[in-house]
């Protein structure tokens, strides 16, 4: 059954965003529990193609984790995902490549559902109206609380442009209690894919 939506992001786009996130973990039983935390900060360049079911994600991230005090971890890699092939290529800065056949979820057009809660709205200058919504989105058994700010497209009703996205989740297991939150600020977004070769894994992924 098709879900009614308030608006949807472009079906193809490229974007650059700044991301930050935090995580808190309580491990073990109350008497012997241990507390852990983590923090990430960096940038993400992405290309999103819901027509041909492909994504490109270049992450340049610094991570701080309580398991490694005083040792920031630097992550710089590219994930190219072909959803219909259920294949993900991960390319590192030295051009080395790892191939995974672990893509289980489909690629959807990104939309604000009709049942989203309106948080705020307003118009500044000549741009489209800015609107913030809050809603829940589930991927398999994991439920995410999302707060999304978008600019509505006056010339194309039903389309909107993301400005910021905050995602949070919490879950329990027999050994852990976890809560995490990630925020992405979209600094630049271009509709369409200027060069589709961005979805082509490099030769190093096929040398073995």
C-alpha atoms as a PDB file:
ATOM      1  CA  UNK A   1       0.000   0.000   0.000  1.00  0.00           C
ATOM      2  CA  UNK A   2       1.424   3.365  -1.021  1.00  0.00           C
ATOM      3  CA  UNK A   3       2.088   5.811   1.793  1.00  0.00           C
ATOM      4  CA  UNK A   4       0.782   9.368   1.441  1.00  0.00           C
ATOM      5  CA  UNK A   5       3.510  11.960   1.858  1.00  0.00           C
ATOM      6  CA  UNK A   6       3.869  15.655   2.621  1.00  0.00           C
ATOM      7  CA  UNK A   7       6.802  16.013   0.233  1.00  0.00           C
ATOM      8  CA  UNK A   8       9.784  14.083  -1.108  1.00  0.00           C
ATOM      9  CA  UNK A   9      13.444  14.859  -1.762  1.00  0.00           C
ATOM     10  CA  UNK A  10      14.618  14.847  -5.411  1.00  0.00           C
ATOM     11  CA  UNK A  11      14.837  11.327  -6.830  1.00  0.00           C
ATOM     12  CA  UNK A  12      18.453  12.013  -7.834  1.00  0.00           C
ATOM     13  CA  UNK A  13      20.808  14.439  -6.109  1.00  0.00           C
ATOM     14  CA  UNK A  14      24.318  15.114  -4.866  1.00  0.00           C
ATOM     15  CA  UNK A  15      24.915  16.711  -1.466  1.00  0.00           C
ATOM     16  CA  UNK A  16      27.651  17.810   0.915  1.00  0.00           C
ATOM     17  CA  UNK A  17      26.912  17.881   4.633  1.00  0.00           C
ATOM     18  CA  UNK A  18      28.528  18.216   8.025  1.00  0.00           C
ATOM     19  CA  UNK A  19      27.690  15.463  10.482  1.00  0.00           C
ATOM     20  CA  UNK A  20      28.083  15.006  14.222  1.00  0.00           C
ATOM     21  CA  UNK A  21      26.860  12.304  16.518  1.00  0.00           C
ATOM     22  CA  UNK A  22      27.051  10.877  19.998  1.00  0.00           C
ATOM     23  CA  UNK A  23      26.411   7.539  21.650  1.00  0.00           C
ATOM     24  CA  UNK A  24      26.033   6.393  25.252  1.00  0.00           C
ATOM     25  CA  UNK A  25      26.138   2.742  26.288  1.00  0.00           C
ATOM     26  CA  UNK A  26      25.399   1.069  29.619  1.00  0.00           C
ATOM     27  CA  UNK A  27      26.900  -2.413  29.600  1.00  0.00           C
ATOM     28  CA  UNK A  28      26.122  -5.211  32.031  1.00  0.00           C
ATOM     29  CA  UNK A  29      23.855  -5.509  35.052  1.00  0.00           C
ATOM     30  CA  UNK A  30      23.192  -2.568  37.365  1.00  0.00           C
ATOM     31  CA  UNK A  31      25.640  -3.692  40.089  1.00  0.00           C
ATOM     32  CA  UNK A  32      28.523  -4.404  37.708  1.00  0.00           C
ATOM     33  CA  UNK A  33      27.553  -2.073  34.875  1.00  0.00           C
ATOM     34  CA  UNK A  34      30.064  -0.069  32.865  1.00  0.00           C
ATOM     35  CA  UNK A  35      29.379   3.190  31.064  1.00  0.00           C
ATOM     36  CA  UNK A  36      30.719   3.907  27.605  1.00  0.00           C
ATOM     37  CA  UNK A  37      30.399   6.775  25.171  1.00  0.00           C
ATOM     38  CA  UNK A  38      31.420   7.822  21.697  1.00  0.00           C
ATOM     39  CA  UNK A  39      31.419  10.971  19.565  1.00  0.00           C
ATOM     40  CA  UNK A  40      31.886  11.530  15.835  1.00  0.00           C
ATOM     41  CA  UNK A  41      32.389  14.671  13.789  1.00  0.00           C
ATOM     42  CA  UNK A  42      33.170  15.207  10.115  1.00  0.00           C
ATOM     43  CA  UNK A  43      31.812  15.595   6.605  1.00  0.00           C
ATOM     44  CA  UNK A  44      29.928  13.438   4.133  1.00  0.00           C
ATOM     45  CA  UNK A  45      29.689  13.807   0.372  1.00  0.00           C
ATOM     46  CA  UNK A  46      26.903  11.740  -1.137  1.00  0.00           C
ATOM     47  CA  UNK A  47      25.216  10.968  -4.438  1.00  0.00           C
ATOM     48  CA  UNK A  48      21.726   9.472  -4.273  1.00  0.00           C
ATOM     49  CA  UNK A  49      19.993   7.783  -7.221  1.00  0.00           C
ATOM     50  CA  UNK A  50      16.654   6.224  -6.314  1.00  0.00           C
ATOM     51  CA  UNK A  51      15.844   5.595  -9.998  1.00  0.00           C
ATOM     52  CA  UNK A  52      18.742   3.211 -10.609  1.00  0.00           C
ATOM     53  CA  UNK A  53      19.032   2.156  -6.923  1.00  0.00           C
ATOM     54  CA  UNK A  54      22.578   3.384  -6.268  1.00  0.00           C
ATOM     55  CA  UNK A  55      24.322   5.517  -3.662  1.00  0.00           C
ATOM     56  CA  UNK A  56      27.809   6.975  -3.232  1.00  0.00           C
ATOM     57  CA  UNK A  57      28.918   8.014   0.263  1.00  0.00           C
ATOM     58  CA  UNK A  58      32.325   9.546   1.028  1.00  0.00           C
ATOM     59  CA  UNK A  59      32.879   9.888   4.764  1.00  0.00           C
ATOM     60  CA  UNK A  60      35.725  11.851   6.355  1.00  0.00           C
ATOM     61  CA  UNK A  61      35.073  11.337  10.056  1.00  0.00           C
ATOM     62  CA  UNK A  62      36.921  11.696  13.354  1.00  0.00           C
ATOM     63  CA  UNK A  63      35.666   9.415  16.129  1.00  0.00           C
ATOM     64  CA  UNK A  64      36.369   9.543  19.873  1.00  0.00           C
ATOM     65  CA  UNK A  65      35.437   6.496  21.929  1.00  0.00           C
ATOM     66  CA  UNK A  66      35.759   5.772  25.643  1.00  0.00           C
ATOM     67  CA  UNK A  67      37.264   2.380  24.805  1.00  0.00           C
ATOM     68  CA  UNK A  68      40.282   4.195  23.334  1.00  0.00           C
ATOM     69  CA  UNK A  69      40.820   7.234  25.589  1.00  0.00           C
ATOM     70  CA  UNK A  70      43.083   9.874  24.085  1.00  0.00           C
ATOM     71  CA  UNK A  71      43.193   8.056  20.747  1.00  0.00           C
ATOM     72  CA  UNK A  72      40.922   9.737  18.168  1.00  0.00           C
ATOM     73  CA  UNK A  73      40.123   7.437  15.257  1.00  0.00           C
ATOM     74  CA  UNK A  74      40.194   8.874  11.728  1.00  0.00           C
ATOM     75  CA  UNK A  75      37.930   7.333   9.095  1.00  0.00           C
ATOM     76  CA  UNK A  76      38.161   8.284   5.424  1.00  0.00           C
ATOM     77  CA  UNK A  77      36.523   5.919   2.967  1.00  0.00           C
ATOM     78  CA  UNK A  78      33.970   5.683   0.169  1.00  0.00           C
ATOM     79  CA  UNK A  79      31.010   3.302   0.041  1.00  0.00           C
ATOM     80  CA  UNK A  80      29.467   2.644  -3.378  1.00  0.00           C
ATOM     81  CA  UNK A  81      26.256   0.641  -3.056  1.00  0.00           C
ATOM     82  CA  UNK A  82      24.244  -1.018  -5.846  1.00  0.00           C
ATOM     83  CA  UNK A  83      21.034  -2.061  -4.143  1.00  0.00           C
ATOM     84  CA  UNK A  84      19.648  -4.309  -6.866  1.00  0.00           C
ATOM     85  CA  UNK A  85      22.942  -6.254  -6.832  1.00  0.00           C
ATOM     86  CA  UNK A  86      22.969  -6.200  -2.997  1.00  0.00           C
ATOM     87  CA  UNK A  87      26.630  -5.239  -3.250  1.00  0.00           C
ATOM     88  CA  UNK A  88      28.699  -2.645  -1.405  1.00  0.00           C
ATOM     89  CA  UNK A  89      32.228  -1.618  -2.368  1.00  0.00           C
ATOM     90  CA  UNK A  90      34.324   0.142   0.287  1.00  0.00           C
ATOM     91  CA  UNK A  91      37.317   2.083  -1.059  1.00  0.00           C
ATOM     92  CA  UNK A  92      40.046   3.447   1.230  1.00  0.00           C
ATOM     93  CA  UNK A  93      42.484   6.321   0.724  1.00  0.00           C
ATOM     94  CA  UNK A  94      45.232   3.987  -0.522  1.00  0.00           C
ATOM     95  CA  UNK A  95      42.822   2.709  -3.249  1.00  0.00           C
ATOM     96  CA  UNK A  96      42.433  -0.662  -1.536  1.00  0.00           C
ATOM     97  CA  UNK A  97      38.936  -2.086  -1.859  1.00  0.00           C
ATOM     98  CA  UNK A  98      36.691  -4.454   0.065  1.00  0.00           C
ATOM     99  CA  UNK A  99      33.532  -6.003  -1.409  1.00  0.00           C
ATOM    100  CA  UNK A 100      30.499  -6.918   0.702  1.00  0.00           C
ATOM    101  CA  UNK A 101      27.296  -8.681  -0.312  1.00  0.00           C
ATOM    102  CA  UNK A 102      25.430  -7.503   2.778  1.00  0.00           C
ATOM    103  CA  UNK A 103      22.947  -5.000   1.357  1.00  0.00           C
ATOM    104  CA  UNK A 104      19.556  -6.188   2.573  1.00  0.00           C
ATOM    105  CA  UNK A 105      17.374  -3.067   2.722  1.00  0.00           C
ATOM    106  CA  UNK A 106      15.886  -1.501  -0.429  1.00  0.00           C
ATOM    107  CA  UNK A 107      16.531   2.093  -1.496  1.00  0.00           C
ATOM    108  CA  UNK A 108      13.481   4.331  -1.140  1.00  0.00           C
ATOM    109  CA  UNK A 109      12.693   7.806  -2.333  1.00  0.00           C
ATOM    110  CA  UNK A 110      13.213   9.924   0.794  1.00  0.00           C
ATOM    111  CA  UNK A 111       9.923  11.512   1.878  1.00  0.00           C
ATOM    112  CA  UNK A 112       8.175  13.193   4.797  1.00  0.00           C
ATOM    113  CA  UNK A 113       5.155  10.994   5.669  1.00  0.00           C
ATOM    114  CA  UNK A 114       1.708  12.529   5.979  1.00  0.00           C
ATOM    115  CA  UNK A 115       1.456  11.513   9.646  1.00  0.00           C
ATOM    116  CA  UNK A 116       4.608  13.475  10.589  1.00  0.00           C
ATOM    117  CA  UNK A 117       4.192  16.011  13.402  1.00  0.00           C
ATOM    118  CA  UNK A 118       4.623  19.634  12.324  1.00  0.00           C
ATOM    119  CA  UNK A 119       7.126  21.328  14.664  1.00  0.00           C
ATOM    120  CA  UNK A 120       7.587  24.745  13.040  1.00  0.00           C
ATOM    121  CA  UNK A 121       7.245  26.620   9.766  1.00  0.00           C
ATOM    122  CA  UNK A 122       8.178  30.004   8.362  1.00  0.00           C
ATOM    123  CA  UNK A 123       9.480  31.851   5.331  1.00  0.00           C
ATOM    124  CA  UNK A 124      12.670  33.901   5.102  1.00  0.00           C
ATOM    125  CA  UNK A 125      13.326  35.999   1.990  1.00  0.00           C
ATOM    126  CA  UNK A 126      12.392  34.659  -1.434  1.00  0.00           C
ATOM    127  CA  UNK A 127      13.154  30.993  -0.813  1.00  0.00           C
ATOM    128  CA  UNK A 128      10.432  28.418  -0.292  1.00  0.00           C
ATOM    129  CA  UNK A 129       8.817  27.964   3.068  1.00  0.00           C
ATOM    130  CA  UNK A 130      10.986  26.298   5.703  1.00  0.00           C
ATOM    131  CA  UNK A 131       9.236  23.518   7.619  1.00  0.00           C
ATOM    132  CA  UNK A 132      10.361  21.173  10.406  1.00  0.00           C
ATOM    133  CA  UNK A 133       8.705  17.797  10.972  1.00  0.00           C
ATOM    134  CA  UNK A 134       9.182  14.991  13.487  1.00  0.00           C
ATOM    135  CA  UNK A 135       8.294  11.378  12.742  1.00  0.00           C
ATOM    136  CA  UNK A 136       9.325   7.774  13.302  1.00  0.00           C
ATOM    137  CA  UNK A 137      10.870   5.605  10.629  1.00  0.00           C
ATOM    138  CA  UNK A 138      11.515   1.894  11.031  1.00  0.00           C
ATOM    139  CA  UNK A 139      14.098  -0.186   9.176  1.00  0.00           C
ATOM    140  CA  UNK A 140      13.302  -3.809   9.985  1.00  0.00           C
ATOM    141  CA  UNK A 141      13.234  -3.959  13.811  1.00  0.00           C
ATOM    142  CA  UNK A 142      15.087  -0.684  14.417  1.00  0.00           C
ATOM    143  CA  UNK A 143      12.922   2.420  14.959  1.00  0.00           C
ATOM    144  CA  UNK A 144      14.447   5.858  14.415  1.00  0.00           C
ATOM    145  CA  UNK A 145      13.055   9.151  15.654  1.00  0.00           C
ATOM    146  CA  UNK A 146      13.692  11.743  12.946  1.00  0.00           C
ATOM    147  CA  UNK A 147      13.501  15.525  13.057  1.00  0.00           C
ATOM    148  CA  UNK A 148      13.820  16.929   9.543  1.00  0.00           C
ATOM    149  CA  UNK A 149      13.906  20.549   8.377  1.00  0.00           C
ATOM    150  CA  UNK A 150      13.185  21.094   4.684  1.00  0.00           C
ATOM    151  CA  UNK A 151      12.580  23.928   2.253  1.00  0.00           C
ATOM    152  CA  UNK A 152       9.418  23.434   0.205  1.00  0.00           C
ATOM    153  CA  UNK A 153       9.803  23.883  -3.551  1.00  0.00           C
ATOM    154  CA  UNK A 154       7.326  26.561  -4.669  1.00  0.00           C
ATOM    155  CA  UNK A 155       7.814  25.672  -8.346  1.00  0.00           C
ATOM    156  CA  UNK A 156       7.370  21.933  -7.826  1.00  0.00           C
ATOM    157  CA  UNK A 157       4.657  21.076  -5.265  1.00  0.00           C
ATOM    158  CA  UNK A 158       5.378  17.835  -3.475  1.00  0.00           C
ATOM    159  CA  UNK A 159       9.152  18.254  -3.649  1.00  0.00           C
ATOM    160  CA  UNK A 160      11.315  19.571  -0.811  1.00  0.00           C
ATOM    161  CA  UNK A 161      14.985  20.184  -0.146  1.00  0.00           C
ATOM    162  CA  UNK A 162      16.627  18.921   3.059  1.00  0.00           C
ATOM    163  CA  UNK A 163      18.289  21.487   5.319  1.00  0.00           C
ATOM    164  CA  UNK A 164      19.028  19.395   8.415  1.00  0.00           C
ATOM    165  CA  UNK A 165      18.252  15.905   9.682  1.00  0.00           C
ATOM    166  CA  UNK A 166      18.535  14.615  13.253  1.00  0.00           C
ATOM    167  CA  UNK A 167      18.185  10.878  13.856  1.00  0.00           C
ATOM    168  CA  UNK A 168      18.008   9.240  17.277  1.00  0.00           C
ATOM    169  CA  UNK A 169      17.415   5.724  18.479  1.00  0.00           C
ATOM    170  CA  UNK A 170      17.572   3.699  21.676  1.00  0.00           C
ATOM    171  CA  UNK A 171      17.508  -0.026  22.168  1.00  0.00           C
ATOM    172  CA  UNK A 172      17.888  -2.651  24.842  1.00  0.00           C
ATOM    173  CA  UNK A 173      19.536  -6.046  24.789  1.00  0.00           C
ATOM    174  CA  UNK A 174      20.262  -8.578  27.542  1.00  0.00           C
ATOM    175  CA  UNK A 175      23.729  -7.032  27.981  1.00  0.00           C
ATOM    176  CA  UNK A 176      23.509  -3.425  26.737  1.00  0.00           C
ATOM    177  CA  UNK A 177      21.391  -0.294  26.920  1.00  0.00           C
ATOM    178  CA  UNK A 178      22.199   2.114  24.132  1.00  0.00           C
ATOM    179  CA  UNK A 179      21.104   5.550  22.923  1.00  0.00           C
ATOM    180  CA  UNK A 180      22.614   7.502  20.049  1.00  0.00           C
ATOM    181  CA  UNK A 181      21.904  10.635  18.040  1.00  0.00           C
ATOM    182  CA  UNK A 182      23.267  11.938  14.731  1.00  0.00           C
ATOM    183  CA  UNK A 183      22.732  15.339  13.109  1.00  0.00           C
ATOM    184  CA  UNK A 184      23.481  16.249   9.490  1.00  0.00           C
ATOM    185  CA  UNK A 185      23.563  19.850   8.239  1.00  0.00           C
ATOM    186  CA  UNK A 186      23.189  20.052   4.456  1.00  0.00           C
ATOM    187  CA  UNK A 187      25.497  22.769   3.100  1.00  0.00           C
ATOM    188  CA  UNK A 188      25.048  22.114  -0.605  1.00  0.00           C
ATOM    189  CA  UNK A 189      22.571  20.061  -2.638  1.00  0.00           C
ATOM    190  CA  UNK A 190      22.293  19.776  -6.421  1.00  0.00           C
ATOM    191  CA  UNK A 191      19.429  18.011  -8.152  1.00  0.00           C
ATOM    192  CA  UNK A 192      20.484  15.299 -10.592  1.00  0.00           C
ATOM    193  CA  UNK A 193      23.719  13.347 -11.064  1.00  0.00           C
ATOM    194  CA  UNK A 194      26.204  15.394 -13.160  1.00  0.00           C
ATOM    195  CA  UNK A 195      28.538  12.432 -13.788  1.00  0.00           C
ATOM    196  CA  UNK A 196      27.197   8.906 -13.313  1.00  0.00           C
ATOM    197  CA  UNK A 197      30.722   7.483 -13.255  1.00  0.00           C
ATOM    198  CA  UNK A 198      30.669   8.373  -9.564  1.00  0.00           C
ATOM    199  CA  UNK A 199      28.806   5.068  -9.041  1.00  0.00           C
ATOM    200  CA  UNK A 200      31.509   3.024 -10.804  1.00  0.00           C
ATOM    201  CA  UNK A 201      33.876   1.231  -8.404  1.00  0.00           C
ATOM    202  CA  UNK A 202      37.578   1.727  -9.277  1.00  0.00           C
ATOM    203  CA  UNK A 203      39.640  -0.948 -11.022  1.00  0.00           C
ATOM    204  CA  UNK A 204      41.246  -1.901  -7.712  1.00  0.00           C
ATOM    205  CA  UNK A 205      37.926  -3.498  -6.715  1.00  0.00           C
ATOM    206  CA  UNK A 206      38.170  -6.025  -9.574  1.00  0.00           C
ATOM    207  CA  UNK A 207      41.862  -6.926  -9.583  1.00  0.00           C
ATOM    208  CA  UNK A 208      41.594 -10.061  -7.444  1.00  0.00           C
END
